[in-house]
Amino acid sequence: MQETPQAFQRIVPCPACKGDSLYAPRNPYRPFCSARCQGLDLGAWASEAFRMEASNMGNDTEEL
């Protein structure tokens, strides 16, 4: 396996804990810093903690 060039390796903030995270192919959890942060994010999505408001653009119960 080839080593990733430095140009493709960056330190970014982890979306979950805001700690440093290596954004490179060798980090299997990217953009997260760890399996724990990745799991917390997945759990938040699964429990619908992240929601987008829908705009009422018409009648959703139209007959087909």
PDB file of N, CA and C in Angstrom:
ATOM      1  N   MET A   1       0.849  -1.181   0.000  1.00  0.00           N
ATOM      2  CA  MET A   1       0.000   0.000   0.000  1.00  0.00           C
ATOM      3  C   MET A   1       0.894   1.243   0.000  1.00  0.00           C
ATOM      4  N   GLN A   2       0.544   2.208  -0.799  1.00  0.00           N
ATOM      5  CA  GLN A   2       1.340   3.425  -0.887  1.00  0.00           C
ATOM      6  C   GLN A   2       0.975   4.393   0.226  1.00  0.00           C
ATOM      7  N   GLU A   3       1.965   5.132   0.670  1.00  0.00           N
ATOM      8  CA  GLU A   3       1.734   6.176   1.674  1.00  0.00           C
ATOM      9  C   GLU A   3       1.099   7.382   0.984  1.00  0.00           C
ATOM     10  N   THR A   4       0.135   7.979   1.622  1.00  0.00           N
ATOM     11  CA  THR A   4      -0.559   9.136   1.067  1.00  0.00           C
ATOM     12  C   THR A   4       0.358  10.349   1.090  1.00  0.00           C
ATOM     13  N   PRO A   5       0.437  11.092  -0.007  1.00  0.00           N
ATOM     14  CA  PRO A   5       1.258  12.303  -0.010  1.00  0.00           C
ATOM     15  C   PRO A   5       0.748  13.311   1.019  1.00  0.00           C
ATOM     16  N   GLN A   6       1.657  14.106   1.544  1.00  0.00           N
ATOM     17  CA  GLN A   6       1.298  15.126   2.541  1.00  0.00           C
ATOM     18  C   GLN A   6       0.195  16.054   2.053  1.00  0.00           C
ATOM     19  N   ALA A   7       0.116  16.295   0.756  1.00  0.00           N
ATOM     20  CA  ALA A   7      -0.877  17.225   0.211  1.00  0.00           C
ATOM     21  C   ALA A   7      -2.301  16.746   0.490  1.00  0.00           C
ATOM     22  N   PHE A   8      -2.493  15.436   0.648  1.00  0.00           N
ATOM     23  CA  PHE A   8      -3.829  14.889   0.871  1.00  0.00           C
ATOM     24  C   PHE A   8      -4.103  14.588   2.333  1.00  0.00           C
ATOM     25  N   GLN A   9      -3.216  15.007   3.218  1.00  0.00           N
ATOM     26  CA  GLN A   9      -3.417  14.813   4.641  1.00  0.00           C
ATOM     27  C   GLN A   9      -3.595  16.176   5.294  1.00  0.00           C
ATOM     28  N   ARG A  10      -4.705  16.334   6.016  1.00  0.00           N
ATOM     29  CA  ARG A  10      -4.953  17.597   6.698  1.00  0.00           C
ATOM     30  C   ARG A  10      -5.482  17.300   8.086  1.00  0.00           C
ATOM     31  N   ILE A  11      -5.308  18.247   8.965  1.00  0.00           N
ATOM     32  CA  ILE A  11      -5.917  18.191  10.282  1.00  0.00           C
ATOM     33  C   ILE A  11      -7.150  19.078  10.217  1.00  0.00           C
ATOM     34  N   VAL A  12      -8.309  18.483  10.508  1.00  0.00           N
ATOM     35  CA  VAL A  12      -9.577  19.209  10.479  1.00  0.00           C
ATOM     36  C   VAL A  12     -10.267  19.027  11.829  1.00  0.00           C
ATOM     37  N   PRO A  13     -11.194  19.911  12.180  1.00  0.00           N
ATOM     38  CA  PRO A  13     -11.925  19.709  13.432  1.00  0.00           C
ATOM     39  C   PRO A  13     -12.946  18.577  13.275  1.00  0.00           C
ATOM     40  N   CYS A  14     -12.989  17.708  14.270  1.00  0.00           N
ATOM     41  CA  CYS A  14     -13.967  16.624  14.281  1.00  0.00           C
ATOM     42  C   CYS A  14     -15.357  17.240  14.407  1.00  0.00           C
ATOM     43  N   PRO A  15     -16.314  16.849  13.557  1.00  0.00           N
ATOM     44  CA  PRO A  15     -17.661  17.416  13.633  1.00  0.00           C
ATOM     45  C   PRO A  15     -18.369  17.139  14.961  1.00  0.00           C
ATOM     46  N   ALA A  16     -17.980  16.082  15.660  1.00  0.00           N
ATOM     47  CA  ALA A  16     -18.660  15.715  16.902  1.00  0.00           C
ATOM     48  C   ALA A  16     -18.053  16.386  18.127  1.00  0.00           C
ATOM     49  N   CYS A  17     -16.737  16.265  18.296  1.00  0.00           N
ATOM     50  CA  CYS A  17     -16.101  16.764  19.527  1.00  0.00           C
ATOM     51  C   CYS A  17     -15.256  18.011  19.318  1.00  0.00           C
ATOM     52  N   LYS A  18     -15.065  18.409  18.080  1.00  0.00           N
ATOM     53  CA  LYS A  18     -14.264  19.589  17.704  1.00  0.00           C
ATOM     54  C   LYS A  18     -12.772  19.415  17.972  1.00  0.00           C
ATOM     55  N   GLY A  19     -12.352  18.206  18.300  1.00  0.00           N
ATOM     56  CA  GLY A  19     -10.924  17.924  18.479  1.00  0.00           C
ATOM     57  C   GLY A  19     -10.253  17.764  17.127  1.00  0.00           C
ATOM     58  N   ASP A  20      -8.939  17.593  17.130  1.00  0.00           N
ATOM     59  CA  ASP A  20      -8.191  17.407  15.883  1.00  0.00           C
ATOM     60  C   ASP A  20      -8.483  16.035  15.281  1.00  0.00           C
ATOM     61  N   SER A  21      -8.671  16.017  13.981  1.00  0.00           N
ATOM     62  CA  SER A  21      -8.910  14.780  13.260  1.00  0.00           C
ATOM     63  C   SER A  21      -8.082  14.779  11.988  1.00  0.00           C
ATOM     64  N   LEU A  22      -7.411  13.666  11.726  1.00  0.00           N
ATOM     65  CA  LEU A  22      -6.624  13.529  10.506  1.00  0.00           C
ATOM     66  C   LEU A  22      -7.562  13.196   9.357  1.00  0.00           C
ATOM     67  N   TYR A  23      -7.601  14.072   8.362  1.00  0.00           N
ATOM     68  CA  TYR A  23      -8.423  13.824   7.181  1.00  0.00           C
ATOM     69  C   TYR A  23      -7.516  13.245   6.109  1.00  0.00           C
ATOM     70  N   ALA A  24      -7.446  11.927   6.097  1.00  0.00           N
ATOM     71  CA  ALA A  24      -6.596  11.207   5.157  1.00  0.00           C
ATOM     72  C   ALA A  24      -7.154   9.797   5.008  1.00  0.00           C
ATOM     73  N   PRO A  25      -6.848   9.125   3.908  1.00  0.00           N
ATOM     74  CA  PRO A  25      -7.357   7.768   3.703  1.00  0.00           C
ATOM     75  C   PRO A  25      -6.988   6.786   4.817  1.00  0.00           C
ATOM     76  N   ARG A  26      -5.899   7.028   5.525  1.00  0.00           N
ATOM     77  CA  ARG A  26      -5.507   6.094   6.589  1.00  0.00           C
ATOM     78  C   ARG A  26      -6.353   6.250   7.857  1.00  0.00           C
ATOM     79  N   ASN A  27      -7.202   7.283   7.938  1.00  0.00           N
ATOM     80  CA  ASN A  27      -8.116   7.437   9.071  1.00  0.00           C
ATOM     81  C   ASN A  27      -9.466   6.843   8.654  1.00  0.00           C
ATOM     82  N   PRO A  28      -9.822   5.653   9.135  1.00  0.00           N
ATOM     83  CA  PRO A  28     -11.059   5.011   8.701  1.00  0.00           C
ATOM     84  C   PRO A  28     -12.326   5.710   9.199  1.00  0.00           C
ATOM     85  N   TYR A  29     -12.178   6.649  10.118  1.00  0.00           N
ATOM     86  CA  TYR A  29     -13.336   7.338  10.688  1.00  0.00           C
ATOM     87  C   TYR A  29     -13.538   8.736  10.122  1.00  0.00           C
ATOM     88  N   ARG A  30     -12.714   9.153   9.165  1.00  0.00           N
ATOM     89  CA  ARG A  30     -12.777  10.528   8.679  1.00  0.00           C
ATOM     90  C   ARG A  30     -14.159  10.906   8.213  1.00  0.00           C
ATOM     91  N   PRO A  31     -14.625  12.052   8.471  1.00  0.00           N
ATOM     92  CA  PRO A  31     -13.965  13.217   9.047  1.00  0.00           C
ATOM     93  C   PRO A  31     -13.933  13.221  10.574  1.00  0.00           C
ATOM     94  N   PHE A  32     -14.352  12.128  11.203  1.00  0.00           N
ATOM     95  CA  PHE A  32     -14.357  12.057  12.659  1.00  0.00           C
ATOM     96  C   PHE A  32     -12.994  11.609  13.164  1.00  0.00           C
ATOM     97  N   CYS A  33     -12.746  11.876  14.446  1.00  0.00           N
ATOM     98  CA  CYS A  33     -11.452  11.527  15.018  1.00  0.00           C
ATOM     99  C   CYS A  33     -11.413  10.097  15.538  1.00  0.00           C
ATOM    100  N   SER A  34     -12.574   9.496  15.795  1.00  0.00           N
ATOM    101  CA  SER A  34     -12.599   8.160  16.394  1.00  0.00           C
ATOM    102  C   SER A  34     -13.909   7.444  16.078  1.00  0.00           C
ATOM    103  N   ALA A  35     -13.940   6.157  16.393  1.00  0.00           N
ATOM    104  CA  ALA A  35     -15.159   5.375  16.219  1.00  0.00           C
ATOM    105  C   ALA A  35     -16.255   5.900  17.135  1.00  0.00           C
ATOM    106  N   ARG A  36     -15.880   6.385  18.319  1.00  0.00           N
ATOM    107  CA  ARG A  36     -16.861   6.920  19.259  1.00  0.00           C
ATOM    108  C   ARG A  36     -17.594   8.121  18.653  1.00  0.00           C
ATOM    109  N   CYS A  37     -16.846   9.079  18.116  1.00  0.00           N
ATOM    110  CA  CYS A  37     -17.469  10.266  17.517  1.00  0.00           C
ATOM    111  C   CYS A  37     -18.301   9.892  16.294  1.00  0.00           C
ATOM    112  N   GLN A  38     -17.828   8.952  15.505  1.00  0.00           N
ATOM    113  CA  GLN A  38     -18.577   8.508  14.341  1.00  0.00           C
ATOM    114  C   GLN A  38     -19.893   7.864  14.781  1.00  0.00           C
ATOM    115  N   GLY A  39     -19.841   7.046  15.830  1.00  0.00           N
ATOM    116  CA  GLY A  39     -21.041   6.395  16.343  1.00  0.00           C
ATOM    117  C   GLY A  39     -22.027   7.376  16.951  1.00  0.00           C
ATOM    118  N   LEU A  40     -21.520   8.393  17.652  1.00  0.00           N
ATOM    119  CA  LEU A  40     -22.398   9.412  18.220  1.00  0.00           C
ATOM    120  C   LEU A  40     -23.156  10.153  17.125  1.00  0.00           C
ATOM    121  N   ASP A  41     -22.472  10.460  16.042  1.00  0.00           N
ATOM    122  CA  ASP A  41     -23.115  11.152  14.928  1.00  0.00           C
ATOM    123  C   ASP A  41     -24.161  10.269  14.268  1.00  0.00           C
ATOM    124  N   LEU A  42     -23.835   9.006  14.052  1.00  0.00           N
ATOM    125  CA  LEU A  42     -24.795   8.084  13.455  1.00  0.00           C
ATOM    126  C   LEU A  42     -26.021   7.947  14.354  1.00  0.00           C
ATOM    127  N   GLY A  43     -25.810   7.861  15.666  1.00  0.00           N
ATOM    128  CA  GLY A  43     -26.920   7.776  16.603  1.00  0.00           C
ATOM    129  C   GLY A  43     -27.804   9.008  16.564  1.00  0.00           C
ATOM    130  N   ALA A  44     -27.199  10.171  16.410  1.00  0.00           N
ATOM    131  CA  ALA A  44     -27.970  11.409  16.334  1.00  0.00           C
ATOM    132  C   ALA A  44     -28.847  11.423  15.081  1.00  0.00           C
ATOM    133  N   TRP A  45     -28.307  10.952  13.971  1.00  0.00           N
ATOM    134  CA  TRP A  45     -29.114  10.876  12.745  1.00  0.00           C
ATOM    135  C   TRP A  45     -30.236   9.857  12.913  1.00  0.00           C
ATOM    136  N   ALA A  46     -29.918   8.699  13.502  1.00  0.00           N
ATOM    137  CA  ALA A  46     -30.917   7.644  13.658  1.00  0.00           C
ATOM    138  C   ALA A  46     -32.064   8.060  14.574  1.00  0.00           C
ATOM    139  N   SER A  47     -31.750   8.877  15.579  1.00  0.00           N
ATOM    140  CA  SER A  47     -32.793   9.324  16.508  1.00  0.00           C
ATOM    141  C   SER A  47     -33.458  10.620  16.040  1.00  0.00           C
ATOM    142  N   GLU A  48     -33.122  11.035  14.834  1.00  0.00           N
ATOM    143  CA  GLU A  48     -33.671  12.243  14.223  1.00  0.00           C
ATOM    144  C   GLU A  48     -33.361  13.510  15.011  1.00  0.00           C
ATOM    145  N   ALA A  49     -32.188  13.542  15.643  1.00  0.00           N
ATOM    146  CA  ALA A  49     -31.758  14.750  16.339  1.00  0.00           C
ATOM    147  C   ALA A  49     -31.411  15.855  15.347  1.00  0.00           C
ATOM    148  N   PHE A  50     -30.963  15.470  14.154  1.00  0.00           N
ATOM    149  CA  PHE A  50     -30.688  16.433  13.096  1.00  0.00           C
ATOM    150  C   PHE A  50     -31.930  16.502  12.222  1.00  0.00           C
ATOM    151  N   ARG A  51     -32.539  17.654  12.147  1.00  0.00           N
ATOM    152  CA  ARG A  51     -33.757  17.796  11.363  1.00  0.00           C
ATOM    153  C   ARG A  51     -33.669  19.046  10.504  1.00  0.00           C
ATOM    154  N   MET A  52     -34.290  18.969   9.359  1.00  0.00           N
ATOM    155  CA  MET A  52     -34.412  20.131   8.484  1.00  0.00           C
ATOM    156  C   MET A  52     -35.884  20.477   8.415  1.00  0.00           C
ATOM    157  N   GLU A  53     -36.189  21.744   8.556  1.00  0.00           N
ATOM    158  CA  GLU A  53     -37.577  22.154   8.468  1.00  0.00           C
ATOM    159  C   GLU A  53     -38.026  22.106   7.020  1.00  0.00           C
ATOM    160  N   ALA A  54     -39.200  21.571   6.819  1.00  0.00           N
ATOM    161  CA  ALA A  54     -39.767  21.499   5.472  1.00  0.00           C
ATOM    162  C   ALA A  54     -40.681  22.696   5.270  1.00  0.00           C
ATOM    163  N   SER A  55     -40.615  23.239   4.087  1.00  0.00           N
ATOM    164  CA  SER A  55     -41.519  24.333   3.766  1.00  0.00           C
ATOM    165  C   SER A  55     -42.780  23.726   3.151  1.00  0.00           C
ATOM    166  N   ASN A  56     -43.904  24.285   3.465  1.00  0.00           N
ATOM    167  CA  ASN A  56     -45.171  23.798   2.942  1.00  0.00           C
ATOM    168  C   ASN A  56     -45.363  24.396   1.549  1.00  0.00           C
ATOM    169  N   MET A  57     -45.076  23.590   0.544  1.00  0.00           N
ATOM    170  CA  MET A  57     -45.130  24.079  -0.828  1.00  0.00           C
ATOM    171  C   MET A  57     -46.365  23.592  -1.573  1.00  0.00           C
ATOM    172  N   GLY A  58     -47.300  23.017  -0.886  1.00  0.00           N
ATOM    173  CA  GLY A  58     -48.494  22.528  -1.567  1.00  0.00           C
ATOM    174  C   GLY A  58     -49.158  21.447  -0.752  1.00  0.00           C
ATOM    175  N   ASN A  59     -50.129  20.875  -1.356  1.00  0.00           N
ATOM    176  CA  ASN A  59     -50.890  19.817  -0.704  1.00  0.00           C
ATOM    177  C   ASN A  59     -50.132  18.502  -0.833  1.00  0.00           C
ATOM    178  N   ASP A  60     -49.693  17.935   0.290  1.00  0.00           N
ATOM    179  CA  ASP A  60     -48.938  16.688   0.259  1.00  0.00           C
ATOM    180  C   ASP A  60     -49.833  15.469   0.081  1.00  0.00           C
ATOM    181  N   THR A  61     -51.134  15.660   0.171  1.00  0.00           N
ATOM    182  CA  THR A  61     -52.047  14.521   0.109  1.00  0.00           C
ATOM    183  C   THR A  61     -52.818  14.479  -1.212  1.00  0.00           C
ATOM    184  N   GLU A  62     -52.173  14.961  -2.266  1.00  0.00           N
ATOM    185  CA  GLU A  62     -52.822  14.928  -3.583  1.00  0.00           C
ATOM    186  C   GLU A  62     -53.091  13.489  -4.006  1.00  0.00           C
ATOM    187  N   GLU A  63     -54.218  13.283  -4.634  1.00  0.00           N
ATOM    188  CA  GLU A  63     -54.524  11.951  -5.144  1.00  0.00           C
ATOM    189  C   GLU A  63     -53.783  11.739  -6.457  1.00  0.00           C
ATOM    190  N   LEU A  64     -53.308  10.534  -6.635  1.00  0.00           N
ATOM    191  CA  LEU A  64     -52.561  10.208  -7.854  1.00  0.00           C
ATOM    192  C   LEU A  64     -53.443   9.708  -8.941  1.00  0.00           C
TER     193      LEU A  64
END
